[in-house]
Amino acid sequence: MTGTARPHLVAVVAFDGVQLLDVTGPAEVFTTANGHGGRYDIRIVSLTGQDVRTSGGIRLGVDGPVDSLPGRLGTLLVPGRRDWRRAVTDAALTSGVQELAARSRRVASVCAGAFVLAEAGLLDGRRAATHWRLAGELAAAYPAVTVESDPLFVRDGRVITSAGITAGMDLALSLVEEDHGAGPARDTARELVVFMARPGGQSQFSARLRPREAEHPAVRAAMDAVSADPAGPHSPAALAGLGKVSARHLSRLFRSETGLSPAQYIASVRLEAAQDLLASGTDPIEAVAEGAGFGSAETMRRAFQQTLGLSPTHYRARFRTTAAAGAAAQVDS
């Protein structure tokens, strides 16, 4: 979108009870991107054109009614409200979203906004994400939707659904990158002092915080050992010995409490450790792989590609924190 190209119109549908950050987070990303080569026309609309009251009691002004939008839209963004049942029983909202989606190049939702898309039939046969606390409810209420509870956001065709609240900013940054490239998206992220568009496949959870959720002492002991030293050998027998159980029993306990095998948990901790090392330091890829416990750069590369959809080198280039970027700039100067 350069030269005389028309701005990309982003329509955000607001309604009473909406979560404020679901609306303002992505809107701020697109607005900030306009200072870095973007061309977005952001319009917040409501069904009637009247202002709405957010979940926190803050009144949110809108640009007009849904009917004021032009015939073709670039992106339709549907935020959520905590009481998603109130949203999906609003027939006018559902039909309005259906009609706008038919006129949009792509459709996106933030957090519980996925329920509105599902009620409108826009997620039937598709993969979708929402806040991890709501993933089970979305799957139960809409069995035609394949719900993924872990990723920050999921793209299936022209429909993109994101996890809770701030993940909407990750989604918006990914759309800026899709429209204008990594450079403008990175500049936008730096101005907002956030990570550069965390990849959608990244987990909503920190693997190293999961020991707090485990109840059985053997599982907690094993998880604590892995999170404290991701590069350690961590054989099944050694981990089981920490909790004074057999390796087979530890595996059963692990799956029961976390949904993961011990090996899968180790892999997730090592991936997260590598992400931290790549985002915050300048060590060679081989050193990062060794420090995170992968053993070789090739093993780490395969893990990154399979889980995040990009290589460690690309992860470092795109997702370094602003603090690391600033430190590098000071060194360069």
Protein backbone atom coordinates (compact mmCIF):
# COMPACT_ATOMS: atom_id res chain seq x y z
CA MET A 1 0.00 0.00 0.00
CA THR A 2 2.14 2.78 -1.31
CA GLY A 3 1.78 5.86 -3.44
CA THR A 4 -1.83 6.67 -4.16
CA ALA A 5 -3.18 3.39 -2.78
CA ARG A 6 -6.23 3.78 -0.60
CA PRO A 7 -5.75 3.28 3.14
CA HIS A 8 -6.54 -0.12 4.54
CA LEU A 9 -9.77 0.27 6.49
CA VAL A 10 -9.82 -1.47 9.88
CA ALA A 11 -13.32 -1.64 11.34
CA VAL A 12 -13.55 -2.44 15.06
CA VAL A 13 -17.03 -3.41 16.24
CA ALA A 14 -17.61 -2.16 19.79
CA PHE A 15 -20.55 -3.06 22.03
CA ASP A 16 -21.57 -2.71 25.65
CA GLY A 17 -19.47 -4.84 28.00
CA VAL A 18 -16.53 -5.04 25.60
CA GLN A 19 -13.07 -5.28 27.14
CA LEU A 20 -11.33 -1.96 26.61
CA LEU A 21 -7.89 -3.32 25.72
CA ASP A 22 -9.40 -5.66 23.14
CA VAL A 23 -10.36 -2.49 21.26
CA THR A 24 -7.64 0.00 22.08
CA GLY A 25 -4.64 -2.37 21.99
CA PRO A 26 -4.94 -3.34 18.31
CA ALA A 27 -6.16 0.15 17.38
CA GLU A 28 -3.03 1.67 18.93
CA VAL A 29 -0.84 -0.74 16.96
CA PHE A 30 -2.41 0.24 13.64
CA THR A 31 -2.34 3.94 14.50
CA THR A 32 1.32 3.75 15.50
CA ALA A 33 2.14 1.82 12.33
CA ASN A 34 0.90 4.81 10.33
CA GLY A 35 4.00 6.64 11.54
CA HIS A 36 6.21 3.89 10.13
CA GLY A 37 4.94 3.44 6.61
CA GLY A 38 1.50 2.03 7.34
CA ARG A 39 -1.69 3.32 5.78
CA TYR A 40 -4.55 2.37 8.06
CA ASP A 41 -7.92 4.02 8.50
CA ILE A 42 -9.14 2.81 11.91
CA ARG A 43 -12.83 3.20 12.63
CA ILE A 44 -14.51 2.11 15.84
CA VAL A 45 -18.20 1.56 15.23
CA SER A 46 -21.21 0.32 17.16
CA LEU A 47 -24.47 -1.08 15.86
CA THR A 48 -26.37 2.14 16.59
CA GLY A 49 -23.56 4.67 16.43
CA GLN A 50 -23.90 5.40 20.13
CA ASP A 51 -20.97 5.26 22.54
CA VAL A 52 -20.54 2.02 24.49
CA ARG A 53 -19.72 1.22 28.10
CA THR A 54 -16.74 -1.12 28.49
CA SER A 55 -16.40 -3.94 31.01
CA GLY A 56 -14.41 -1.63 33.28
CA GLY A 57 -17.11 1.02 33.23
CA ILE A 58 -15.22 3.37 30.90
CA ARG A 59 -17.29 5.04 28.20
CA LEU A 60 -15.80 4.46 24.75
CA GLY A 61 -16.59 6.88 21.96
CA VAL A 62 -17.25 5.50 18.48
CA ASP A 63 -16.90 6.98 15.01
CA GLY A 64 -20.41 6.11 13.95
CA PRO A 65 -22.81 3.26 13.28
CA VAL A 66 -21.99 0.10 11.38
CA ASP A 67 -24.05 1.47 8.49
CA SER A 68 -21.56 4.32 8.06
CA LEU A 69 -18.83 1.96 6.85
CA PRO A 70 -18.06 1.73 3.12
CA GLY A 71 -18.91 -1.26 1.00
CA ARG A 72 -15.51 -2.94 1.19
CA LEU A 73 -13.40 -3.34 4.33
CA GLY A 74 -9.81 -4.35 4.77
CA THR A 75 -9.95 -5.88 8.24
CA LEU A 76 -12.92 -6.56 10.48
CA LEU A 77 -11.88 -6.80 14.12
CA VAL A 78 -14.27 -8.23 16.71
CA PRO A 79 -13.28 -7.75 20.38
CA GLY A 80 -14.78 -9.72 23.25
CA ARG A 81 -16.56 -9.35 26.55
CA ARG A 82 -16.05 -11.47 29.65
CA ASP A 83 -19.67 -12.64 29.65
CA TRP A 84 -19.52 -14.07 26.15
CA ARG A 85 -23.03 -15.54 26.47
CA ARG A 86 -24.50 -12.03 26.56
CA ALA A 87 -22.63 -11.21 23.37
CA VAL A 88 -23.67 -14.28 21.37
CA THR A 89 -27.35 -13.89 22.30
CA ASP A 90 -27.35 -10.42 20.75
CA ALA A 91 -28.85 -11.31 17.37
CA ALA A 92 -28.21 -7.85 15.95
CA LEU A 93 -24.53 -8.09 16.83
CA THR A 94 -24.17 -11.54 15.30
CA SER A 95 -25.94 -10.62 12.07
CA GLY A 96 -24.00 -7.36 11.86
CA VAL A 97 -20.70 -9.22 12.15
CA GLN A 98 -21.85 -11.74 9.53
CA GLU A 99 -22.69 -8.96 7.09
CA LEU A 100 -19.45 -7.07 7.69
CA ALA A 101 -17.36 -10.23 7.39
CA ALA A 102 -18.76 -10.87 3.93
CA ARG A 103 -17.43 -7.46 2.88
CA SER A 104 -14.01 -7.80 4.52
CA ARG A 105 -10.71 -9.05 3.14
CA ARG A 106 -9.86 -10.61 6.48
CA VAL A 107 -11.61 -11.11 9.80
CA ALA A 108 -9.99 -11.12 13.23
CA SER A 109 -11.10 -11.50 16.83
CA VAL A 110 -9.52 -10.80 20.20
CA CYS A 111 -10.08 -13.00 23.26
CA ALA A 112 -13.80 -13.82 23.68
CA GLY A 113 -14.54 -12.18 20.34
CA ALA A 114 -14.03 -15.69 18.95
CA PHE A 115 -17.42 -16.63 20.41
CA VAL A 116 -19.11 -13.96 18.32
CA LEU A 117 -17.36 -15.22 15.19
CA ALA A 118 -18.35 -18.78 16.07
CA GLU A 119 -21.98 -17.80 16.64
CA ALA A 120 -21.94 -16.09 13.25
CA GLY A 121 -20.74 -19.34 11.66
CA LEU A 122 -17.42 -17.84 10.63
CA LEU A 123 -15.35 -20.44 12.48
CA ASP A 124 -17.16 -23.58 11.33
CA GLY A 125 -14.56 -26.08 10.14
CA ARG A 126 -11.72 -23.76 11.15
CA ARG A 127 -9.02 -23.75 13.78
CA ALA A 128 -9.36 -21.00 16.37
CA ALA A 129 -7.81 -19.57 19.53
CA THR A 130 -9.20 -17.69 22.48
CA HIS A 131 -8.19 -16.95 26.06
CA TRP A 132 -6.96 -20.16 27.67
CA ARG A 133 -9.63 -19.96 30.39
CA LEU A 134 -12.34 -19.93 27.72
CA ALA A 135 -10.94 -22.54 25.32
CA GLY A 136 -12.94 -25.41 26.83
CA GLU A 137 -16.15 -23.37 26.76
CA LEU A 138 -15.61 -22.41 23.12
CA ALA A 139 -15.01 -26.04 22.16
CA ALA A 140 -18.10 -27.23 24.06
CA ALA A 141 -20.40 -24.52 22.75
CA TYR A 142 -19.24 -24.77 19.13
CA PRO A 143 -18.17 -28.35 18.27
CA ALA A 144 -17.69 -27.42 14.60
CA VAL A 145 -14.68 -25.31 15.66
CA THR A 146 -11.26 -26.86 16.28
CA VAL A 147 -10.12 -24.94 19.36
CA GLU A 148 -6.42 -24.59 20.11
CA SER A 149 -5.96 -23.51 23.72
CA ASP A 150 -2.22 -22.80 23.71
CA PRO A 151 -1.24 -20.44 20.83
CA LEU A 152 -1.31 -16.66 21.08
CA PHE A 153 -3.20 -16.50 17.82
CA VAL A 154 -4.27 -18.83 15.05
CA ARG A 155 -4.77 -18.06 11.38
CA ASP A 156 -7.02 -20.25 9.26
CA GLY A 157 -7.54 -18.81 5.83
CA ARG A 158 -8.73 -15.23 6.07
CA VAL A 159 -9.83 -15.61 9.70
CA ILE A 160 -7.43 -14.88 12.57
CA THR A 161 -8.37 -15.43 16.21
CA SER A 162 -6.23 -14.45 19.18
CA ALA A 163 -5.90 -15.26 22.85
CA GLY A 164 -6.58 -12.91 25.70
CA ILE A 165 -6.29 -9.13 25.69
CA THR A 166 -2.63 -8.23 24.97
CA ALA A 167 -2.40 -11.07 22.42
CA GLY A 168 -4.59 -8.80 20.29
CA MET A 169 -1.57 -6.51 19.95
CA ASP A 170 0.53 -9.48 18.83
CA LEU A 171 -2.11 -10.26 16.24
CA ALA A 172 -2.23 -6.64 15.05
CA LEU A 173 1.57 -6.48 14.76
CA SER A 174 1.52 -9.65 12.67
CA LEU A 175 -1.00 -8.03 10.33
CA VAL A 176 1.18 -4.93 10.05
CA GLU A 177 4.06 -7.20 9.10
CA GLU A 178 1.87 -9.00 6.58
CA ASP A 179 0.86 -5.70 5.00
CA HIS A 180 4.13 -3.75 5.15
CA GLY A 181 6.97 -6.08 6.05
CA ALA A 182 9.07 -6.80 9.12
CA GLY A 183 10.75 -3.37 9.23
CA PRO A 184 7.66 -1.23 9.86
CA ALA A 185 6.26 -3.86 12.23
CA ARG A 186 9.51 -3.90 14.21
CA ASP A 187 9.57 -0.09 14.36
CA THR A 188 5.98 -0.08 15.56
CA ALA A 189 6.75 -2.62 18.28
CA ARG A 190 9.76 -0.64 19.45
CA GLU A 191 7.78 2.57 19.69
CA LEU A 192 5.15 0.78 21.76
CA VAL A 193 7.91 -0.85 23.87
CA VAL A 194 6.61 -4.36 23.28
CA PHE A 195 8.00 -7.53 21.80
CA MET A 196 8.16 -7.56 18.05
CA ALA A 197 5.06 -9.55 17.08
CA ARG A 198 5.42 -12.74 19.07
CA PRO A 199 4.77 -15.62 16.68
CA GLY A 200 1.27 -16.99 16.78
CA GLY A 201 2.49 -20.46 17.67
CA GLN A 202 4.07 -19.20 20.86
CA SER A 203 2.35 -20.51 23.96
CA GLN A 204 0.04 -18.39 26.11
CA PHE A 205 1.83 -19.94 29.09
CA SER A 206 5.33 -19.78 30.49
CA ALA A 207 6.56 -23.36 30.69
CA ARG A 208 8.75 -22.47 33.65
CA LEU A 209 5.77 -21.26 35.67
CA ARG A 210 3.87 -24.51 35.28
CA PRO A 211 5.42 -26.20 38.34
CA ARG A 212 3.27 -23.88 40.45
CA GLU A 213 0.20 -25.55 38.97
CA ALA A 214 1.31 -29.13 39.65
CA GLU A 215 -0.14 -30.81 42.73
CA HIS A 216 1.80 -34.06 43.05
CA PRO A 217 5.19 -33.52 44.74
CA ALA A 218 6.93 -35.86 42.29
CA VAL A 219 5.72 -33.83 39.33
CA ARG A 220 6.67 -30.56 41.00
CA ALA A 221 10.13 -31.85 41.83
CA ALA A 222 10.75 -32.97 38.25
CA MET A 223 9.42 -29.72 36.77
CA ASP A 224 11.44 -27.61 39.18
CA ALA A 225 14.62 -29.47 38.23
CA VAL A 226 14.02 -28.99 34.51
CA SER A 227 13.07 -25.32 34.77
CA ALA A 228 16.11 -24.60 36.97
CA ASP A 229 18.51 -26.21 34.49
CA PRO A 230 17.03 -26.62 30.99
CA ALA A 231 20.37 -27.88 29.62
CA GLY A 232 20.65 -30.68 32.19
CA PRO A 233 20.52 -34.37 31.08
CA HIS A 234 17.14 -35.01 32.79
CA SER A 235 16.81 -38.71 32.07
CA PRO A 236 13.45 -40.34 32.93
CA ALA A 237 15.10 -42.31 35.74
CA ALA A 238 16.80 -39.25 37.21
CA LEU A 239 13.61 -37.17 37.21
CA ALA A 240 11.60 -40.03 38.69
CA GLY A 241 14.20 -40.50 41.39
CA LEU A 242 13.69 -36.93 42.58
CA GLY A 243 10.12 -37.78 43.54
CA LYS A 244 10.89 -41.34 44.64
CA VAL A 245 8.59 -42.87 42.01
CA SER A 246 9.18 -45.02 38.96
CA ALA A 247 9.74 -43.45 35.55
CA ARG A 248 6.51 -45.02 34.29
CA HIS A 249 4.51 -43.67 37.23
CA LEU A 250 6.02 -40.20 36.79
CA SER A 251 5.00 -40.24 33.14
CA ARG A 252 1.40 -41.12 34.10
CA LEU A 253 1.36 -38.37 36.74
CA PHE A 254 2.79 -35.86 34.29
CA ARG A 255 0.14 -36.55 31.67
CA SER A 256 -2.62 -36.47 34.25
CA GLU A 257 -1.58 -33.10 35.72
CA THR A 258 -0.13 -31.26 32.72
CA GLY A 259 -1.34 -33.02 29.59
CA LEU A 260 2.32 -33.45 28.62
CA SER A 261 4.85 -36.22 28.87
CA PRO A 262 8.07 -35.41 30.76
CA ALA A 263 9.89 -35.28 27.41
CA GLN A 264 7.38 -32.79 26.02
CA TYR A 265 7.75 -30.61 29.10
CA ILE A 266 11.53 -30.67 28.80
CA ALA A 267 11.24 -29.67 25.14
CA SER A 268 8.92 -26.76 25.98
CA VAL A 269 11.24 -25.45 28.71
CA ARG A 270 14.25 -25.69 26.41
CA LEU A 271 12.42 -23.87 23.64
CA GLU A 272 11.44 -21.08 26.02
CA ALA A 273 14.98 -20.84 27.35
CA ALA A 274 16.33 -20.56 23.80
CA GLN A 275 13.80 -17.83 23.00
CA ASP A 276 14.97 -15.84 26.01
CA LEU A 277 18.63 -16.25 25.06
CA LEU A 278 17.99 -15.23 21.47
CA ALA A 279 15.86 -12.23 22.40
CA SER A 280 18.12 -10.83 25.08
CA GLY A 281 21.67 -11.68 24.00
CA THR A 282 24.12 -11.91 21.15
CA ASP A 283 25.60 -15.38 21.66
CA PRO A 284 26.08 -17.46 18.47
CA ILE A 285 23.24 -19.81 17.56
CA GLU A 286 25.40 -22.82 18.45
CA ALA A 287 26.05 -21.42 21.94
CA VAL A 288 22.33 -20.74 22.44
CA ALA A 289 21.50 -24.31 21.42
CA GLU A 290 24.01 -25.67 23.91
CA GLY A 291 22.91 -23.32 26.69
CA ALA A 292 19.24 -24.22 26.22
CA GLY A 293 19.93 -27.95 26.17
CA PHE A 294 19.29 -28.76 22.52
CA GLY A 295 22.73 -30.21 21.94
CA SER A 296 23.04 -28.93 18.38
CA ALA A 297 21.94 -25.93 16.35
CA GLU A 298 20.15 -28.22 13.90
CA THR A 299 18.06 -29.84 16.66
CA MET A 300 17.09 -26.38 17.91
CA ARG A 301 16.28 -25.21 14.39
CA ARG A 302 13.89 -28.12 13.88
CA ALA A 303 12.17 -27.38 17.20
CA PHE A 304 11.72 -23.72 16.29
CA GLN A 305 10.38 -24.50 12.83
CA GLN A 306 7.95 -27.11 14.11
CA THR A 307 6.59 -25.04 17.00
CA LEU A 308 6.96 -21.40 15.94
CA GLY A 309 7.20 -21.64 12.19
CA LEU A 310 10.51 -19.79 11.88
CA SER A 311 14.22 -20.39 12.40
CA PRO A 312 16.21 -19.28 15.47
CA THR A 313 18.01 -16.71 13.33
CA HIS A 314 14.75 -15.20 12.13
CA TYR A 315 13.37 -15.30 15.66
CA ARG A 316 16.32 -13.27 16.92
CA ALA A 317 16.05 -10.80 14.05
CA ARG A 318 12.35 -10.22 14.50
CA PHE A 319 11.60 -10.69 18.16
CA ARG A 320 14.41 -9.11 20.12
CA THR A 321 13.21 -6.99 23.01
CA THR A 322 13.58 -3.24 22.85
CA ALA A 323 15.95 -3.48 25.83
CA ALA A 324 18.31 -5.74 23.87
CA ALA A 325 18.05 -3.49 20.83
CA GLY A 326 18.88 -0.47 22.94
CA ALA A 327 21.87 -2.19 24.53
CA ALA A 328 23.15 -3.20 21.09
CA ALA A 329 22.77 0.38 19.88
CA GLN A 330 24.83 1.66 22.83
CA VAL A 331 27.57 -0.84 22.07
CA ASP A 332 27.57 0.12 18.40
CA SER A 333 27.90 3.79 19.28
